[in-house]
Amino acid sequence: MGNWPCSFFMSAKKHSLVAFDAHISPLQTAITISSDGGMRIKIDVPEMFIAQAIPLFDWRERMLHMLIYPADSDAPITLHETCLHCDEALTDPLSQVAGLCPSCRSQRKDESGADEAWSF
């Protein structure tokens, strides 16, 4: 499964985090902007990763945090133990990747006027 660090999965509860390799469909309609300002992205999941993607069926109506990066990227994922701004211990995988606790993420969102807190 790509270059995912083992500790990323070991801290996850069953079906609270999924990871698999996929690619954006080559169809012209694979990425569309809707009239309400949202975006739709269609991904193709190879057969060997279908089992990992199955929980997505149960999550169709839920907001999801997504971490996407090119599989051929040289940049490793750095997992932070504490917030880069306030030194609070980070417990969830997305905060560990971002290096921001929820309160600092919220503050950053308020200051920027946009949710850039998960941009790396």
N, C-alpha and C. Protein backbone atom coordinates (compact mmCIF):
# COMPACT_ATOMS: atom_id res chain seq x y z
N MET A 1 0.82 -1.18 0.00
CA MET A 1 0.00 0.00 0.00
C MET A 1 0.86 1.24 0.00
N GLY A 2 1.39 1.61 -1.09
CA GLY A 2 2.16 2.83 -1.16
C GLY A 2 3.24 2.90 -0.09
N ASN A 3 3.50 4.08 0.44
CA ASN A 3 4.53 4.29 1.46
C ASN A 3 3.93 4.69 2.81
N TRP A 4 2.78 4.14 3.15
CA TRP A 4 2.13 4.51 4.40
C TRP A 4 2.93 3.99 5.58
N PRO A 5 3.21 4.83 6.58
CA PRO A 5 3.96 4.38 7.75
C PRO A 5 3.13 3.43 8.60
N CYS A 6 3.77 2.40 9.12
CA CYS A 6 3.06 1.40 9.92
C CYS A 6 2.36 2.02 11.12
N SER A 7 2.99 2.97 11.80
CA SER A 7 2.39 3.56 12.99
C SER A 7 1.08 4.27 12.67
N PHE A 8 0.93 4.72 11.42
CA PHE A 8 -0.30 5.38 11.00
C PHE A 8 -1.47 4.42 11.11
N PHE A 9 -1.25 3.15 10.75
CA PHE A 9 -2.31 2.16 10.80
C PHE A 9 -2.47 1.55 12.19
N MET A 10 -1.38 1.40 12.90
CA MET A 10 -1.45 0.76 14.21
C MET A 10 -2.27 1.59 15.19
N SER A 11 -2.33 2.91 14.99
CA SER A 11 -3.07 3.75 15.91
C SER A 11 -4.54 3.86 15.52
N ALA A 12 -4.90 3.31 14.36
CA ALA A 12 -6.27 3.45 13.87
C ALA A 12 -7.14 2.32 14.38
N LYS A 13 -8.38 2.64 14.69
CA LYS A 13 -9.36 1.63 15.07
C LYS A 13 -9.89 1.00 13.79
N LYS A 14 -10.45 -0.18 13.91
CA LYS A 14 -11.00 -0.86 12.74
C LYS A 14 -12.06 0.02 12.08
N HIS A 15 -11.92 0.24 10.82
CA HIS A 15 -12.86 1.01 10.00
C HIS A 15 -13.01 2.47 10.43
N SER A 16 -12.07 3.02 11.18
CA SER A 16 -12.11 4.45 11.44
C SER A 16 -11.12 5.16 10.54
N LEU A 17 -10.30 4.40 9.83
CA LEU A 17 -9.33 4.95 8.91
C LEU A 17 -9.10 3.93 7.81
N VAL A 18 -9.14 4.36 6.59
CA VAL A 18 -8.82 3.47 5.47
C VAL A 18 -7.74 4.12 4.62
N ALA A 19 -6.95 3.32 3.97
CA ALA A 19 -5.92 3.81 3.06
C ALA A 19 -5.79 2.83 1.92
N PHE A 20 -5.70 3.36 0.74
CA PHE A 20 -5.52 2.52 -0.44
C PHE A 20 -4.97 3.38 -1.56
N ASP A 21 -4.36 2.72 -2.54
CA ASP A 21 -3.87 3.43 -3.71
C ASP A 21 -5.01 3.54 -4.71
N ALA A 22 -5.08 4.66 -5.40
CA ALA A 22 -6.11 4.89 -6.41
C ALA A 22 -5.57 5.96 -7.36
N HIS A 23 -6.31 6.19 -8.43
CA HIS A 23 -5.95 7.30 -9.31
C HIS A 23 -7.21 7.99 -9.78
N ILE A 24 -7.06 9.25 -10.16
CA ILE A 24 -8.20 10.01 -10.66
C ILE A 24 -8.53 9.48 -12.04
N SER A 25 -9.79 9.23 -12.25
CA SER A 25 -10.25 8.71 -13.53
C SER A 25 -9.78 9.60 -14.67
N PRO A 26 -9.37 9.00 -15.80
CA PRO A 26 -8.92 9.81 -16.94
C PRO A 26 -10.07 10.48 -17.71
N LEU A 27 -11.31 10.18 -17.34
CA LEU A 27 -12.45 10.78 -18.03
C LEU A 27 -12.47 12.29 -17.84
N GLN A 28 -12.93 13.02 -18.83
CA GLN A 28 -13.00 14.47 -18.76
C GLN A 28 -13.89 14.93 -17.60
N THR A 29 -14.88 14.11 -17.24
CA THR A 29 -15.81 14.47 -16.17
C THR A 29 -15.35 13.98 -14.80
N ALA A 30 -14.11 13.54 -14.68
CA ALA A 30 -13.62 12.99 -13.41
C ALA A 30 -13.55 14.04 -12.31
N ILE A 31 -13.29 15.29 -12.67
CA ILE A 31 -13.26 16.38 -11.69
C ILE A 31 -14.21 17.45 -12.19
N THR A 32 -15.25 17.70 -11.39
CA THR A 32 -16.23 18.71 -11.78
C THR A 32 -16.50 19.65 -10.61
N ILE A 33 -16.82 20.88 -10.94
CA ILE A 33 -17.22 21.88 -9.95
C ILE A 33 -18.74 22.03 -10.08
N SER A 34 -19.44 21.90 -8.96
CA SER A 34 -20.90 22.00 -8.99
C SER A 34 -21.34 23.45 -8.81
N SER A 35 -22.60 23.69 -9.08
CA SER A 35 -23.14 25.05 -8.98
C SER A 35 -23.16 25.57 -7.54
N ASP A 36 -23.13 24.67 -6.55
CA ASP A 36 -23.12 25.11 -5.15
C ASP A 36 -21.70 25.38 -4.66
N GLY A 37 -20.70 25.28 -5.55
CA GLY A 37 -19.32 25.58 -5.18
C GLY A 37 -18.53 24.36 -4.74
N GLY A 38 -19.17 23.21 -4.65
CA GLY A 38 -18.46 22.00 -4.26
C GLY A 38 -17.73 21.38 -5.44
N MET A 39 -16.98 20.35 -5.15
CA MET A 39 -16.21 19.67 -6.19
C MET A 39 -16.49 18.17 -6.09
N ARG A 40 -16.60 17.51 -7.22
CA ARG A 40 -16.76 16.05 -7.26
C ARG A 40 -15.54 15.48 -7.96
N ILE A 41 -14.93 14.50 -7.31
CA ILE A 41 -13.75 13.84 -7.85
C ILE A 41 -14.04 12.34 -7.92
N LYS A 42 -13.91 11.78 -9.10
CA LYS A 42 -14.11 10.33 -9.28
C LYS A 42 -12.75 9.66 -9.28
N ILE A 43 -12.62 8.63 -8.46
CA ILE A 43 -11.36 7.90 -8.40
C ILE A 43 -11.58 6.46 -8.84
N ASP A 44 -10.54 5.88 -9.41
CA ASP A 44 -10.54 4.47 -9.79
C ASP A 44 -9.68 3.72 -8.78
N VAL A 45 -10.27 2.71 -8.16
CA VAL A 45 -9.56 1.90 -7.16
C VAL A 45 -9.21 0.57 -7.81
N PRO A 46 -7.93 0.22 -7.88
CA PRO A 46 -7.55 -1.08 -8.45
C PRO A 46 -8.17 -2.23 -7.66
N GLU A 47 -8.41 -3.33 -8.34
CA GLU A 47 -9.07 -4.49 -7.73
C GLU A 47 -8.36 -4.94 -6.46
N MET A 48 -7.05 -4.87 -6.42
CA MET A 48 -6.32 -5.35 -5.24
C MET A 48 -6.57 -4.49 -3.99
N PHE A 49 -7.17 -3.28 -4.13
CA PHE A 49 -7.44 -2.41 -2.99
C PHE A 49 -8.92 -2.27 -2.67
N ILE A 50 -9.77 -3.01 -3.35
CA ILE A 50 -11.22 -2.90 -3.13
C ILE A 50 -11.59 -3.20 -1.68
N ALA A 51 -10.99 -4.22 -1.09
CA ALA A 51 -11.32 -4.58 0.30
C ALA A 51 -11.06 -3.41 1.25
N GLN A 52 -9.96 -2.67 1.04
CA GLN A 52 -9.65 -1.53 1.90
C GLN A 52 -10.66 -0.39 1.70
N ALA A 53 -11.24 -0.28 0.51
CA ALA A 53 -12.15 0.82 0.19
C ALA A 53 -13.60 0.54 0.58
N ILE A 54 -13.93 -0.68 0.94
CA ILE A 54 -15.32 -1.05 1.26
C ILE A 54 -15.95 -0.16 2.33
N PRO A 55 -15.25 0.25 3.40
CA PRO A 55 -15.89 1.12 4.39
C PRO A 55 -16.46 2.42 3.82
N LEU A 56 -16.00 2.85 2.67
CA LEU A 56 -16.53 4.07 2.06
C LEU A 56 -18.03 3.97 1.80
N PHE A 57 -18.53 2.77 1.56
CA PHE A 57 -19.98 2.60 1.36
C PHE A 57 -20.76 3.07 2.58
N ASP A 58 -20.25 2.77 3.77
CA ASP A 58 -20.93 3.17 5.00
C ASP A 58 -20.74 4.65 5.30
N TRP A 59 -19.79 5.30 4.68
CA TRP A 59 -19.45 6.68 4.98
C TRP A 59 -19.97 7.66 3.93
N ARG A 60 -20.85 7.23 3.04
CA ARG A 60 -21.30 8.08 1.93
C ARG A 60 -21.92 9.39 2.38
N GLU A 61 -22.62 9.43 3.47
CA GLU A 61 -23.31 10.66 3.93
C GLU A 61 -22.50 11.43 4.96
N ARG A 62 -21.29 10.99 5.27
CA ARG A 62 -20.48 11.64 6.30
C ARG A 62 -19.41 12.53 5.68
N MET A 63 -19.04 13.58 6.41
CA MET A 63 -17.91 14.41 6.01
C MET A 63 -16.65 13.60 6.28
N LEU A 64 -15.71 13.62 5.37
CA LEU A 64 -14.48 12.85 5.50
C LEU A 64 -13.28 13.78 5.49
N HIS A 65 -12.28 13.48 6.30
CA HIS A 65 -10.97 14.14 6.20
C HIS A 65 -10.18 13.31 5.20
N MET A 66 -9.55 13.96 4.25
CA MET A 66 -8.80 13.21 3.24
C MET A 66 -7.37 13.71 3.18
N LEU A 67 -6.47 12.78 3.07
CA LEU A 67 -5.05 13.06 2.88
C LEU A 67 -4.66 12.38 1.58
N ILE A 68 -4.33 13.16 0.57
CA ILE A 68 -4.03 12.61 -0.74
C ILE A 68 -2.66 13.12 -1.17
N TYR A 69 -1.84 12.23 -1.65
CA TYR A 69 -0.54 12.62 -2.18
C TYR A 69 -0.14 11.63 -3.27
N PRO A 70 0.70 12.05 -4.21
CA PRO A 70 1.12 11.15 -5.29
C PRO A 70 1.91 9.97 -4.74
N ALA A 71 1.59 8.77 -5.23
CA ALA A 71 2.28 7.57 -4.76
C ALA A 71 3.76 7.59 -5.10
N ASP A 72 4.15 8.31 -6.14
CA ASP A 72 5.55 8.36 -6.53
C ASP A 72 6.29 9.53 -5.88
N SER A 73 5.64 10.17 -4.90
CA SER A 73 6.25 11.30 -4.22
C SER A 73 7.43 10.86 -3.37
N ASP A 74 8.50 11.65 -3.37
CA ASP A 74 9.66 11.36 -2.54
C ASP A 74 9.47 11.84 -1.11
N ALA A 75 8.53 12.75 -0.91
CA ALA A 75 8.35 13.35 0.41
C ALA A 75 7.69 12.35 1.36
N PRO A 76 8.37 11.96 2.43
CA PRO A 76 7.75 11.05 3.39
C PRO A 76 6.73 11.80 4.26
N ILE A 77 5.82 11.06 4.80
CA ILE A 77 4.85 11.65 5.73
C ILE A 77 5.53 11.75 7.09
N THR A 78 5.47 12.92 7.69
CA THR A 78 6.01 13.12 9.02
C THR A 78 4.86 13.11 10.01
N LEU A 79 4.93 12.22 10.99
CA LEU A 79 3.90 12.17 12.02
C LEU A 79 4.41 12.93 13.24
N HIS A 80 3.69 13.97 13.62
CA HIS A 80 4.07 14.82 14.75
C HIS A 80 3.40 14.29 16.02
N GLU A 81 4.13 14.27 17.10
CA GLU A 81 3.58 13.84 18.39
C GLU A 81 2.90 15.00 19.10
N THR A 82 3.37 16.22 18.85
CA THR A 82 2.80 17.39 19.51
C THR A 82 2.51 18.47 18.47
N CYS A 83 1.58 19.37 18.82
CA CYS A 83 1.20 20.48 17.95
C CYS A 83 2.40 21.41 17.75
N LEU A 84 2.61 21.83 16.52
CA LEU A 84 3.73 22.72 16.21
C LEU A 84 3.55 24.12 16.79
N HIS A 85 2.32 24.47 17.18
CA HIS A 85 2.03 25.81 17.70
C HIS A 85 1.94 25.86 19.22
N CYS A 86 1.34 24.83 19.84
CA CYS A 86 1.11 24.93 21.29
C CYS A 86 1.66 23.74 22.08
N ASP A 87 2.30 22.80 21.43
CA ASP A 87 2.89 21.62 22.07
C ASP A 87 1.89 20.66 22.70
N GLU A 88 0.60 20.79 22.37
CA GLU A 88 -0.41 19.84 22.86
C GLU A 88 -0.17 18.49 22.19
N ALA A 89 -0.37 17.40 22.94
CA ALA A 89 -0.21 16.06 22.38
C ALA A 89 -1.25 15.82 21.29
N LEU A 90 -0.82 15.25 20.17
CA LEU A 90 -1.72 14.95 19.06
C LEU A 90 -2.07 13.47 19.10
N THR A 91 -3.36 13.17 19.02
CA THR A 91 -3.80 11.78 19.16
C THR A 91 -4.42 11.19 17.90
N ASP A 92 -4.98 12.03 17.02
CA ASP A 92 -5.61 11.45 15.83
C ASP A 92 -4.64 11.56 14.64
N PRO A 93 -4.71 10.60 13.71
CA PRO A 93 -3.75 10.55 12.61
C PRO A 93 -3.69 11.81 11.75
N LEU A 94 -4.81 12.44 11.45
CA LEU A 94 -4.77 13.64 10.60
C LEU A 94 -4.10 14.81 11.31
N SER A 95 -4.35 14.95 12.61
CA SER A 95 -3.65 16.00 13.37
C SER A 95 -2.16 15.72 13.41
N GLN A 96 -1.79 14.44 13.55
CA GLN A 96 -0.38 14.07 13.59
C GLN A 96 0.31 14.39 12.27
N VAL A 97 -0.38 14.21 11.16
CA VAL A 97 0.20 14.54 9.86
C VAL A 97 0.29 16.05 9.69
N ALA A 98 -0.78 16.77 10.06
CA ALA A 98 -0.80 18.23 9.90
C ALA A 98 0.11 18.93 10.90
N GLY A 99 0.33 18.31 12.06
CA GLY A 99 1.13 18.95 13.10
C GLY A 99 0.35 20.02 13.84
N LEU A 100 -0.99 19.95 13.77
CA LEU A 100 -1.86 20.95 14.41
C LEU A 100 -2.94 20.26 15.24
N CYS A 101 -3.15 20.76 16.46
CA CYS A 101 -4.24 20.26 17.28
C CYS A 101 -5.55 20.90 16.78
N PRO A 102 -6.71 20.36 17.16
CA PRO A 102 -7.97 20.93 16.68
C PRO A 102 -8.15 22.42 17.01
N SER A 103 -7.72 22.87 18.17
CA SER A 103 -7.91 24.29 18.51
C SER A 103 -7.01 25.19 17.65
N CYS A 104 -5.78 24.79 17.40
CA CYS A 104 -4.90 25.59 16.54
C CYS A 104 -5.38 25.53 15.09
N ARG A 105 -5.92 24.41 14.68
CA ARG A 105 -6.48 24.31 13.34
C ARG A 105 -7.65 25.28 13.20
N SER A 106 -8.51 25.33 14.21
CA SER A 106 -9.66 26.23 14.19
C SER A 106 -9.20 27.68 14.15
N GLN A 107 -8.18 28.01 14.94
CA GLN A 107 -7.65 29.37 14.95
C GLN A 107 -7.07 29.73 13.59
N ARG A 108 -6.34 28.82 12.98
CA ARG A 108 -5.75 29.07 11.67
C ARG A 108 -6.85 29.28 10.62
N LYS A 109 -7.93 28.51 10.74
CA LYS A 109 -9.05 28.65 9.82
C LYS A 109 -9.69 30.03 9.98
N ASP A 110 -9.87 30.48 11.22
CA ASP A 110 -10.46 31.79 11.49
C ASP A 110 -9.60 32.92 10.95
N GLU A 111 -8.28 32.81 11.10
CA GLU A 111 -7.36 33.86 10.66
C GLU A 111 -7.27 33.96 9.14
N SER A 112 -7.34 32.82 8.47
CA SER A 112 -7.16 32.83 7.02
C SER A 112 -8.45 33.06 6.26
N GLY A 113 -9.58 32.83 6.93
CA GLY A 113 -10.87 32.97 6.25
C GLY A 113 -11.19 31.77 5.39
N ALA A 114 -10.30 30.82 5.32
CA ALA A 114 -10.51 29.60 4.56
C ALA A 114 -9.89 28.46 5.34
N ASP A 115 -10.31 27.25 5.03
CA ASP A 115 -9.78 26.11 5.74
C ASP A 115 -8.50 25.61 5.05
N GLU A 116 -7.38 26.26 5.41
CA GLU A 116 -6.08 25.88 4.87
C GLU A 116 -5.29 25.05 5.87
N ALA A 117 -5.92 24.67 6.96
CA ALA A 117 -5.20 24.02 8.05
C ALA A 117 -4.70 22.63 7.67
N TRP A 118 -5.24 22.03 6.65
CA TRP A 118 -4.75 20.70 6.26
C TRP A 118 -3.89 20.78 5.02
N SER A 119 -3.55 21.95 4.55
CA SER A 119 -2.67 22.10 3.39
C SER A 119 -1.22 21.94 3.85
N PHE A 120 -0.46 21.18 3.13
CA PHE A 120 0.93 20.91 3.53
C PHE A 120 1.88 21.42 2.49
